[in-house]
Amino acid sequence: MVTPPGWREEPIGKHHDRRSFDCGDEAPNQYLQKYARKSHEKGGAKTYLAINQDDNSILGYYCLSPASIAYARVPNLIKRGLARHEVPAFRLGRLAVDLSAQGQGLGGQLLLAAGRRCLYVAAQAGGVALLIDAKNESVAKWYASYGAIPLLDTELSLLLPLKTIQAALAARMST
């Protein structure tokens, strides 16, 4: 397997060259170019970038915001032991990888980076999962390969338990 280039994570800012990012899908490209920074600055979805350590280009990004899900929609594996109220979560609004870095594992690394950030916030304010709205079945299967579970009422909305992310991060630390 090819490994992605070295990268560092940064919150989105004016100085980042968003125009050169191309993931092969117009919607995530446009979001990054036109809306991500404003949303980040105004307290909406927060966007974090994977910046290439060699040339400072954007290799990928993800967006997070608080979310809650109706208790009845959540699989038992996740809601077990919780009060019968809205289930606290974090919405993974976007996750995209530039064409130059696709197929090298960066998407999975970004998913873990997003999860690590959510674990930190959850320790302070609560939250049990990442809420993911996959754009199609192929993307849903990709998230499922990391342990995401479909909501009870739709196959394309999934929850990735923070416990699963915590276990994956612990496994990476022990190797």
N, C-alpha and C. Protein backbone atom coordinates (compact mmCIF):
# COMPACT_ATOMS: atom_id res chain seq x y z
N MET A 1 0.84 -1.18 0.00
CA MET A 1 0.00 0.00 0.00
C MET A 1 0.88 1.25 0.00
N VAL A 2 0.51 2.20 -0.80
CA VAL A 2 1.22 3.48 -0.85
C VAL A 2 0.81 4.29 0.37
N THR A 3 1.75 4.95 0.99
CA THR A 3 1.41 5.78 2.14
C THR A 3 1.27 7.23 1.70
N PRO A 4 0.37 7.97 2.36
CA PRO A 4 0.18 9.37 1.98
C PRO A 4 1.40 10.20 2.34
N PRO A 5 1.55 11.35 1.70
CA PRO A 5 2.66 12.24 2.06
C PRO A 5 2.54 12.67 3.52
N GLY A 6 3.64 13.15 4.08
CA GLY A 6 3.59 13.68 5.44
C GLY A 6 2.66 14.88 5.47
N TRP A 7 1.88 14.98 6.54
CA TRP A 7 0.94 16.08 6.64
C TRP A 7 0.78 16.51 8.08
N ARG A 8 0.29 17.72 8.23
CA ARG A 8 -0.05 18.25 9.54
C ARG A 8 -1.48 18.78 9.47
N GLU A 9 -2.13 18.85 10.60
CA GLU A 9 -3.51 19.32 10.64
C GLU A 9 -3.56 20.78 11.06
N GLU A 10 -4.38 21.56 10.37
CA GLU A 10 -4.56 22.98 10.70
C GLU A 10 -6.03 23.34 10.54
N PRO A 11 -6.53 24.25 11.40
CA PRO A 11 -7.86 24.79 11.13
C PRO A 11 -7.80 25.66 9.87
N ILE A 12 -8.89 25.71 9.13
CA ILE A 12 -8.92 26.47 7.89
C ILE A 12 -8.67 27.96 8.16
N GLY A 13 -7.96 28.61 7.27
CA GLY A 13 -7.68 30.04 7.39
C GLY A 13 -7.59 30.69 6.02
N LYS A 14 -7.54 32.01 6.02
CA LYS A 14 -7.47 32.78 4.77
C LYS A 14 -6.23 32.43 3.96
N HIS A 15 -5.16 32.09 4.62
CA HIS A 15 -3.88 31.87 3.93
C HIS A 15 -3.81 30.54 3.17
N HIS A 16 -4.78 29.66 3.36
CA HIS A 16 -4.74 28.37 2.67
C HIS A 16 -5.24 28.50 1.23
N ASP A 17 -4.54 27.85 0.30
CA ASP A 17 -4.91 27.86 -1.12
C ASP A 17 -5.99 26.81 -1.36
N ARG A 18 -7.23 27.23 -1.19
CA ARG A 18 -8.36 26.31 -1.33
C ARG A 18 -8.71 26.04 -2.79
N ARG A 19 -8.36 26.94 -3.68
CA ARG A 19 -8.72 26.82 -5.11
C ARG A 19 -8.02 25.64 -5.79
N SER A 20 -6.85 25.24 -5.32
CA SER A 20 -6.12 24.16 -5.98
C SER A 20 -6.58 22.77 -5.52
N PHE A 21 -7.43 22.70 -4.50
CA PHE A 21 -7.92 21.41 -4.00
C PHE A 21 -8.92 20.83 -4.99
N ASP A 22 -8.76 19.55 -5.32
CA ASP A 22 -9.71 18.86 -6.20
C ASP A 22 -9.81 17.40 -5.78
N CYS A 23 -10.97 17.04 -5.24
CA CYS A 23 -11.19 15.66 -4.81
C CYS A 23 -11.90 14.84 -5.88
N GLY A 24 -12.22 15.47 -7.00
CA GLY A 24 -12.92 14.77 -8.07
C GLY A 24 -14.42 14.89 -7.98
N ASP A 25 -14.93 15.61 -6.98
CA ASP A 25 -16.37 15.80 -6.79
C ASP A 25 -16.61 17.29 -6.57
N GLU A 26 -17.43 17.88 -7.40
CA GLU A 26 -17.62 19.33 -7.37
C GLU A 26 -18.19 19.85 -6.04
N ALA A 27 -19.13 19.12 -5.42
CA ALA A 27 -19.76 19.61 -4.19
C ALA A 27 -18.75 19.82 -3.05
N PRO A 28 -17.91 18.85 -2.72
CA PRO A 28 -16.92 19.10 -1.66
C PRO A 28 -15.88 20.15 -2.05
N ASN A 29 -15.53 20.21 -3.34
CA ASN A 29 -14.59 21.24 -3.80
C ASN A 29 -15.19 22.63 -3.57
N GLN A 30 -16.44 22.82 -4.00
CA GLN A 30 -17.11 24.12 -3.85
C GLN A 30 -17.28 24.48 -2.38
N TYR A 31 -17.64 23.51 -1.55
CA TYR A 31 -17.81 23.79 -0.13
C TYR A 31 -16.51 24.33 0.45
N LEU A 32 -15.41 23.66 0.16
CA LEU A 32 -14.12 24.11 0.69
C LEU A 32 -13.77 25.50 0.18
N GLN A 33 -13.98 25.74 -1.09
CA GLN A 33 -13.59 27.01 -1.70
C GLN A 33 -14.47 28.17 -1.26
N LYS A 34 -15.77 27.96 -1.11
CA LYS A 34 -16.70 29.08 -0.92
C LYS A 34 -17.29 29.21 0.48
N TYR A 35 -17.44 28.12 1.21
CA TYR A 35 -18.24 28.19 2.43
C TYR A 35 -17.52 27.76 3.71
N ALA A 36 -16.54 26.92 3.62
CA ALA A 36 -15.94 26.31 4.81
C ALA A 36 -15.33 27.33 5.76
N ARG A 37 -14.56 28.28 5.24
CA ARG A 37 -13.90 29.24 6.12
C ARG A 37 -14.91 30.12 6.84
N LYS A 38 -15.91 30.60 6.13
CA LYS A 38 -16.93 31.46 6.76
C LYS A 38 -17.68 30.70 7.84
N SER A 39 -18.05 29.47 7.55
CA SER A 39 -18.75 28.66 8.54
C SER A 39 -17.87 28.44 9.77
N HIS A 40 -16.60 28.16 9.53
CA HIS A 40 -15.64 27.95 10.62
C HIS A 40 -15.55 29.19 11.50
N GLU A 41 -15.40 30.35 10.87
CA GLU A 41 -15.22 31.60 11.62
C GLU A 41 -16.48 32.04 12.35
N LYS A 42 -17.64 31.70 11.83
CA LYS A 42 -18.90 32.13 12.45
C LYS A 42 -19.43 31.13 13.47
N GLY A 43 -18.68 30.06 13.73
CA GLY A 43 -19.08 29.11 14.75
C GLY A 43 -19.98 28.00 14.25
N GLY A 44 -20.10 27.87 12.94
CA GLY A 44 -20.84 26.75 12.36
C GLY A 44 -19.94 25.53 12.35
N ALA A 45 -19.99 24.78 11.29
CA ALA A 45 -19.12 23.61 11.17
C ALA A 45 -17.66 24.05 11.17
N LYS A 46 -16.86 23.38 11.94
CA LYS A 46 -15.42 23.67 12.00
C LYS A 46 -14.70 22.79 10.99
N THR A 47 -13.83 23.40 10.19
CA THR A 47 -13.12 22.68 9.14
C THR A 47 -11.64 22.59 9.48
N TYR A 48 -11.10 21.37 9.35
CA TYR A 48 -9.69 21.12 9.60
C TYR A 48 -9.07 20.53 8.35
N LEU A 49 -7.88 21.01 8.03
CA LEU A 49 -7.20 20.65 6.79
C LEU A 49 -6.00 19.75 7.05
N ALA A 50 -5.76 18.83 6.13
CA ALA A 50 -4.52 18.06 6.10
C ALA A 50 -3.60 18.81 5.14
N ILE A 51 -2.53 19.39 5.67
CA ILE A 51 -1.61 20.22 4.89
C ILE A 51 -0.35 19.42 4.58
N ASN A 52 0.00 19.34 3.31
CA ASN A 52 1.21 18.65 2.87
C ASN A 52 2.42 19.34 3.48
N GLN A 53 3.27 18.57 4.16
CA GLN A 53 4.44 19.16 4.81
C GLN A 53 5.48 19.65 3.82
N ASP A 54 5.45 19.14 2.60
CA ASP A 54 6.45 19.55 1.61
C ASP A 54 6.10 20.85 0.90
N ASP A 55 4.84 20.99 0.46
CA ASP A 55 4.51 22.17 -0.35
C ASP A 55 3.32 22.98 0.18
N ASN A 56 2.83 22.65 1.37
CA ASN A 56 1.72 23.36 2.01
C ASN A 56 0.40 23.30 1.25
N SER A 57 0.27 22.37 0.31
CA SER A 57 -1.01 22.21 -0.39
C SER A 57 -1.99 21.47 0.52
N ILE A 58 -3.27 21.60 0.22
CA ILE A 58 -4.31 20.91 0.98
C ILE A 58 -4.48 19.51 0.41
N LEU A 59 -4.22 18.51 1.25
CA LEU A 59 -4.36 17.11 0.84
C LEU A 59 -5.76 16.58 1.11
N GLY A 60 -6.43 17.16 2.09
CA GLY A 60 -7.77 16.71 2.46
C GLY A 60 -8.33 17.59 3.55
N TYR A 61 -9.58 17.34 3.88
CA TYR A 61 -10.20 18.11 4.95
C TYR A 61 -11.39 17.36 5.52
N TYR A 62 -11.80 17.80 6.71
CA TYR A 62 -13.04 17.31 7.30
C TYR A 62 -13.70 18.44 8.06
N CYS A 63 -15.01 18.34 8.24
CA CYS A 63 -15.80 19.34 8.96
C CYS A 63 -16.57 18.66 10.09
N LEU A 64 -16.64 19.31 11.22
CA LEU A 64 -17.36 18.79 12.38
C LEU A 64 -18.31 19.84 12.94
N SER A 65 -19.43 19.39 13.47
CA SER A 65 -20.34 20.26 14.20
C SER A 65 -21.10 19.39 15.21
N PRO A 66 -21.66 20.02 16.25
CA PRO A 66 -22.45 19.25 17.21
C PRO A 66 -23.72 18.72 16.55
N ALA A 67 -24.22 17.63 17.07
CA ALA A 67 -25.45 17.05 16.54
C ALA A 67 -26.14 16.24 17.63
N SER A 68 -27.38 15.92 17.39
CA SER A 68 -28.09 14.96 18.23
C SER A 68 -29.02 14.16 17.33
N ILE A 69 -29.32 12.96 17.76
CA ILE A 69 -30.13 12.06 16.96
C ILE A 69 -31.28 11.55 17.83
N ALA A 70 -32.46 11.47 17.25
CA ALA A 70 -33.61 10.93 17.98
C ALA A 70 -33.28 9.53 18.50
N TYR A 71 -33.57 9.30 19.75
CA TYR A 71 -33.26 8.04 20.41
C TYR A 71 -33.78 6.83 19.62
N ALA A 72 -34.98 6.94 19.07
CA ALA A 72 -35.60 5.83 18.35
C ALA A 72 -34.85 5.45 17.07
N ARG A 73 -34.05 6.34 16.52
CA ARG A 73 -33.31 6.08 15.28
C ARG A 73 -31.97 5.38 15.51
N VAL A 74 -31.52 5.35 16.76
CA VAL A 74 -30.17 4.91 17.08
C VAL A 74 -30.12 3.41 17.38
N PRO A 75 -29.17 2.68 16.79
CA PRO A 75 -29.02 1.25 17.08
C PRO A 75 -28.73 1.01 18.57
N ASN A 76 -29.23 -0.12 19.08
CA ASN A 76 -29.07 -0.47 20.50
C ASN A 76 -27.62 -0.46 20.94
N LEU A 77 -26.71 -0.90 20.09
CA LEU A 77 -25.30 -0.95 20.44
C LEU A 77 -24.79 0.41 20.93
N ILE A 78 -25.34 1.47 20.39
CA ILE A 78 -24.88 2.81 20.75
C ILE A 78 -25.71 3.41 21.87
N LYS A 79 -27.02 3.20 21.86
CA LYS A 79 -27.87 3.87 22.85
C LYS A 79 -28.00 3.11 24.17
N ARG A 80 -27.48 1.89 24.22
CA ARG A 80 -27.58 1.10 25.45
C ARG A 80 -26.99 1.88 26.63
N GLY A 81 -27.79 2.02 27.68
CA GLY A 81 -27.34 2.69 28.89
C GLY A 81 -27.57 4.20 28.89
N LEU A 82 -28.01 4.76 27.76
CA LEU A 82 -28.26 6.20 27.70
C LEU A 82 -29.71 6.50 28.08
N ALA A 83 -29.95 7.71 28.57
CA ALA A 83 -31.31 8.16 28.84
C ALA A 83 -32.09 8.19 27.53
N ARG A 84 -33.39 8.05 27.61
CA ARG A 84 -34.23 8.01 26.40
C ARG A 84 -34.52 9.42 25.89
N HIS A 85 -33.47 10.12 25.59
CA HIS A 85 -33.55 11.47 25.03
C HIS A 85 -32.71 11.50 23.76
N GLU A 86 -32.62 12.66 23.16
CA GLU A 86 -31.75 12.80 21.99
C GLU A 86 -30.35 12.27 22.34
N VAL A 87 -29.76 11.56 21.41
CA VAL A 87 -28.44 10.98 21.62
C VAL A 87 -27.39 11.99 21.13
N PRO A 88 -26.47 12.40 22.02
CA PRO A 88 -25.47 13.41 21.64
C PRO A 88 -24.40 12.83 20.71
N ALA A 89 -24.07 13.59 19.68
CA ALA A 89 -23.10 13.12 18.69
C ALA A 89 -22.39 14.32 18.06
N PHE A 90 -21.55 14.03 17.11
CA PHE A 90 -20.85 15.04 16.31
C PHE A 90 -21.08 14.71 14.84
N ARG A 91 -21.50 15.70 14.08
CA ARG A 91 -21.75 15.48 12.65
C ARG A 91 -20.44 15.65 11.88
N LEU A 92 -20.08 14.59 11.16
CA LEU A 92 -18.98 14.68 10.22
C LEU A 92 -19.60 15.16 8.92
N GLY A 93 -19.62 16.49 8.74
CA GLY A 93 -20.33 17.08 7.61
C GLY A 93 -19.67 16.81 6.28
N ARG A 94 -18.37 16.79 6.26
CA ARG A 94 -17.61 16.55 5.03
C ARG A 94 -16.31 15.84 5.40
N LEU A 95 -15.85 15.02 4.49
CA LEU A 95 -14.51 14.45 4.55
C LEU A 95 -14.13 14.20 3.10
N ALA A 96 -13.05 14.85 2.66
CA ALA A 96 -12.64 14.72 1.26
C ALA A 96 -11.12 14.69 1.17
N VAL A 97 -10.62 13.97 0.17
CA VAL A 97 -9.18 13.83 -0.06
C VAL A 97 -8.88 14.26 -1.49
N ASP A 98 -7.84 15.07 -1.66
CA ASP A 98 -7.42 15.52 -2.98
C ASP A 98 -7.06 14.32 -3.86
N LEU A 99 -7.31 14.45 -5.15
CA LEU A 99 -7.00 13.36 -6.09
C LEU A 99 -5.55 12.89 -5.97
N SER A 100 -4.65 13.81 -5.68
CA SER A 100 -3.22 13.47 -5.59
C SER A 100 -2.90 12.53 -4.43
N ALA A 101 -3.81 12.44 -3.44
CA ALA A 101 -3.55 11.63 -2.25
C ALA A 101 -4.57 10.51 -2.07
N GLN A 102 -5.50 10.35 -3.00
CA GLN A 102 -6.51 9.30 -2.86
C GLN A 102 -5.89 7.91 -3.00
N GLY A 103 -6.47 6.96 -2.27
CA GLY A 103 -6.01 5.58 -2.33
C GLY A 103 -4.75 5.30 -1.54
N GLN A 104 -4.36 6.24 -0.68
CA GLN A 104 -3.12 6.09 0.09
C GLN A 104 -3.37 6.03 1.60
N GLY A 105 -4.63 5.96 2.01
CA GLY A 105 -4.94 5.85 3.43
C GLY A 105 -5.20 7.16 4.14
N LEU A 106 -5.15 8.28 3.43
CA LEU A 106 -5.35 9.57 4.08
C LEU A 106 -6.78 9.73 4.59
N GLY A 107 -7.76 9.21 3.86
CA GLY A 107 -9.14 9.31 4.31
C GLY A 107 -9.33 8.68 5.69
N GLY A 108 -8.76 7.51 5.89
CA GLY A 108 -8.84 6.85 7.19
C GLY A 108 -8.11 7.64 8.27
N GLN A 109 -6.97 8.23 7.91
CA GLN A 109 -6.24 9.05 8.87
C GLN A 109 -7.05 10.29 9.26
N LEU A 110 -7.73 10.89 8.28
CA LEU A 110 -8.57 12.05 8.58
C LEU A 110 -9.75 11.66 9.46
N LEU A 111 -10.33 10.49 9.20
CA LEU A 111 -11.44 10.01 10.02
C LEU A 111 -10.98 9.83 11.47
N LEU A 112 -9.80 9.27 11.67
CA LEU A 112 -9.27 9.13 13.03
C LEU A 112 -8.95 10.48 13.65
N ALA A 113 -8.44 11.41 12.86
CA ALA A 113 -8.15 12.75 13.37
C ALA A 113 -9.45 13.43 13.83
N ALA A 114 -10.50 13.30 13.03
CA ALA A 114 -11.80 13.86 13.42
C ALA A 114 -12.30 13.19 14.69
N GLY A 115 -12.16 11.87 14.75
CA GLY A 115 -12.58 11.14 15.93
C GLY A 115 -11.82 11.54 17.18
N ARG A 116 -10.52 11.75 17.04
CA ARG A 116 -9.70 12.19 18.18
C ARG A 116 -10.20 13.54 18.70
N ARG A 117 -10.51 14.43 17.80
CA ARG A 117 -11.03 15.75 18.19
C ARG A 117 -12.37 15.60 18.92
N CYS A 118 -13.23 14.72 18.43
CA CYS A 118 -14.53 14.49 19.06
C CYS A 118 -14.37 13.86 20.45
N LEU A 119 -13.43 12.94 20.59
CA LEU A 119 -13.18 12.34 21.89
C LEU A 119 -12.79 13.39 22.92
N TYR A 120 -11.97 14.34 22.51
CA TYR A 120 -11.55 15.41 23.42
C TYR A 120 -12.76 16.23 23.86
N VAL A 121 -13.59 16.64 22.91
CA VAL A 121 -14.77 17.44 23.24
C VAL A 121 -15.76 16.62 24.06
N ALA A 122 -15.95 15.36 23.70
CA ALA A 122 -16.89 14.50 24.42
C ALA A 122 -16.49 14.33 25.89
N ALA A 123 -15.20 14.30 26.16
CA ALA A 123 -14.73 14.19 27.54
C ALA A 123 -15.12 15.42 28.36
N GLN A 124 -15.31 16.55 27.69
CA GLN A 124 -15.67 17.79 28.37
C GLN A 124 -17.18 18.04 28.39
N ALA A 125 -17.87 17.64 27.31
CA ALA A 125 -19.27 18.03 27.15
C ALA A 125 -20.21 16.88 26.78
N GLY A 126 -19.71 15.68 26.60
CA GLY A 126 -20.55 14.55 26.23
C GLY A 126 -20.62 14.33 24.72
N GLY A 127 -21.03 13.15 24.36
CA GLY A 127 -21.13 12.75 22.96
C GLY A 127 -20.70 11.30 22.85
N VAL A 128 -21.39 10.53 22.00
CA VAL A 128 -21.11 9.10 21.94
C VAL A 128 -20.75 8.58 20.55
N ALA A 129 -20.92 9.42 19.51
CA ALA A 129 -20.68 8.90 18.16
C ALA A 129 -20.46 10.03 17.17
N LEU A 130 -19.91 9.65 16.03
CA LEU A 130 -19.85 10.53 14.85
C LEU A 130 -21.06 10.20 13.99
N LEU A 131 -21.83 11.20 13.61
CA LEU A 131 -22.96 11.04 12.70
C LEU A 131 -22.48 11.35 11.29
N ILE A 132 -22.67 10.40 10.39
CA ILE A 132 -22.15 10.51 9.03
C ILE A 132 -23.29 10.33 8.05
N ASP A 133 -23.44 11.26 7.11
CA ASP A 133 -24.41 11.12 6.02
C ASP A 133 -23.62 10.80 4.77
N ALA A 134 -23.59 9.52 4.40
CA ALA A 134 -22.85 9.09 3.21
C ALA A 134 -23.63 9.49 1.96
N LYS A 135 -22.90 9.89 0.92
CA LYS A 135 -23.57 10.35 -0.30
C LYS A 135 -24.06 9.21 -1.18
N ASN A 136 -23.55 7.99 -0.97
CA ASN A 136 -24.01 6.84 -1.74
C ASN A 136 -23.61 5.55 -1.01
N GLU A 137 -24.03 4.41 -1.57
CA GLU A 137 -23.76 3.12 -0.92
C GLU A 137 -22.27 2.81 -0.83
N SER A 138 -21.52 3.18 -1.84
CA SER A 138 -20.07 2.92 -1.83
C SER A 138 -19.40 3.65 -0.68
N VAL A 139 -19.77 4.90 -0.47
CA VAL A 139 -19.20 5.69 0.63
C VAL A 139 -19.67 5.12 1.96
N ALA A 140 -20.93 4.71 2.05
CA ALA A 140 -21.44 4.10 3.29
C ALA A 140 -20.66 2.84 3.63
N LYS A 141 -20.33 2.04 2.63
CA LYS A 141 -19.53 0.82 2.87
C LYS A 141 -18.13 1.17 3.36
N TRP A 142 -17.57 2.25 2.82
CA TRP A 142 -16.24 2.68 3.27
C TRP A 142 -16.29 3.03 4.76
N TYR A 143 -17.28 3.81 5.18
CA TYR A 143 -17.40 4.15 6.60
C TYR A 143 -17.68 2.91 7.43
N ALA A 144 -18.50 2.00 6.92
CA ALA A 144 -18.79 0.76 7.64
C ALA A 144 -17.52 -0.06 7.86
N SER A 145 -16.58 0.03 6.94
CA SER A 145 -15.32 -0.71 7.11
C SER A 145 -14.52 -0.21 8.31
N TYR A 146 -14.84 0.98 8.79
CA TYR A 146 -14.21 1.52 9.99
C TYR A 146 -15.07 1.31 11.24
N GLY A 147 -16.20 0.64 11.09
CA GLY A 147 -17.05 0.34 12.24
C GLY A 147 -18.32 1.16 12.34
N ALA A 148 -18.63 1.99 11.34
CA ALA A 148 -19.86 2.77 11.37
C ALA A 148 -21.06 1.86 11.17
N ILE A 149 -22.15 2.20 11.85
CA ILE A 149 -23.37 1.40 11.86
C ILE A 149 -24.52 2.26 11.32
N PRO A 150 -25.33 1.73 10.40
CA PRO A 150 -26.45 2.53 9.87
C PRO A 150 -27.47 2.87 10.96
N LEU A 151 -28.07 4.05 10.85
CA LEU A 151 -29.21 4.37 11.70
C LEU A 151 -30.33 3.40 11.37
N LEU A 152 -31.29 3.28 12.26
CA LEU A 152 -32.35 2.29 12.08
C LEU A 152 -33.27 2.61 10.92
N ASP A 153 -33.35 3.87 10.50
CA ASP A 153 -34.32 4.25 9.48
C ASP A 153 -33.71 4.60 8.12
N THR A 154 -32.40 4.49 7.97
CA THR A 154 -31.78 4.79 6.68
C THR A 154 -30.40 4.16 6.60
N GLU A 155 -30.07 3.62 5.46
CA GLU A 155 -28.78 2.96 5.26
C GLU A 155 -27.64 3.95 5.02
N LEU A 156 -27.96 5.16 4.57
CA LEU A 156 -26.90 6.11 4.20
C LEU A 156 -26.52 7.06 5.33
N SER A 157 -27.25 7.03 6.44
CA SER A 157 -26.86 7.78 7.63
C SER A 157 -26.31 6.77 8.63
N LEU A 158 -25.08 7.01 9.06
CA LEU A 158 -24.40 6.04 9.91
C LEU A 158 -23.88 6.71 11.18
N LEU A 159 -23.64 5.87 12.18
CA LEU A 159 -23.01 6.32 13.41
C LEU A 159 -21.73 5.53 13.62
N LEU A 160 -20.66 6.23 13.89
CA LEU A 160 -19.40 5.60 14.24
C LEU A 160 -19.20 5.84 15.73
N PRO A 161 -19.34 4.79 16.56
CA PRO A 161 -19.21 4.98 18.00
C PRO A 161 -17.84 5.55 18.38
N LEU A 162 -17.83 6.48 19.30
CA LEU A 162 -16.56 7.04 19.76
C LEU A 162 -15.72 5.96 20.45
N LYS A 163 -16.36 4.95 21.02
CA LYS A 163 -15.61 3.83 21.62
C LYS A 163 -14.80 3.10 20.56
N THR A 164 -15.35 2.98 19.36
CA THR A 164 -14.64 2.33 18.25
C THR A 164 -13.42 3.15 17.86
N ILE A 165 -13.60 4.46 17.81
CA ILE A 165 -12.48 5.35 17.47
C ILE A 165 -11.41 5.29 18.56
N GLN A 166 -11.85 5.30 19.81
CA GLN A 166 -10.91 5.23 20.93
C GLN A 166 -10.09 3.94 20.86
N ALA A 167 -10.74 2.82 20.54
CA ALA A 167 -10.04 1.54 20.43
C ALA A 167 -9.05 1.56 19.26
N ALA A 168 -9.44 2.16 18.14
CA ALA A 168 -8.53 2.25 16.98
C ALA A 168 -7.32 3.10 17.30
N LEU A 169 -7.53 4.20 18.01
CA LEU A 169 -6.41 5.07 18.38
C LEU A 169 -5.49 4.36 19.37
N ALA A 170 -6.06 3.62 20.31
CA ALA A 170 -5.25 2.87 21.28
C ALA A 170 -4.43 1.79 20.58
N ALA A 171 -5.03 1.13 19.58
CA ALA A 171 -4.32 0.10 18.84
C ALA A 171 -3.15 0.70 18.06
N ARG A 172 -3.33 1.89 17.52
CA ARG A 172 -2.24 2.55 16.78
C ARG A 172 -1.10 2.93 17.72
N MET A 173 -1.45 3.30 18.94
CA MET A 173 -0.42 3.70 19.91
C MET A 173 0.41 2.50 20.37
N SER A 174 -0.19 1.31 20.38
CA SER A 174 0.51 0.13 20.88
C SER A 174 1.37 -0.54 19.80
N THR A 175 1.27 -0.07 18.55
CA THR A 175 2.09 -0.68 17.50
C THR A 175 3.29 0.17 17.16
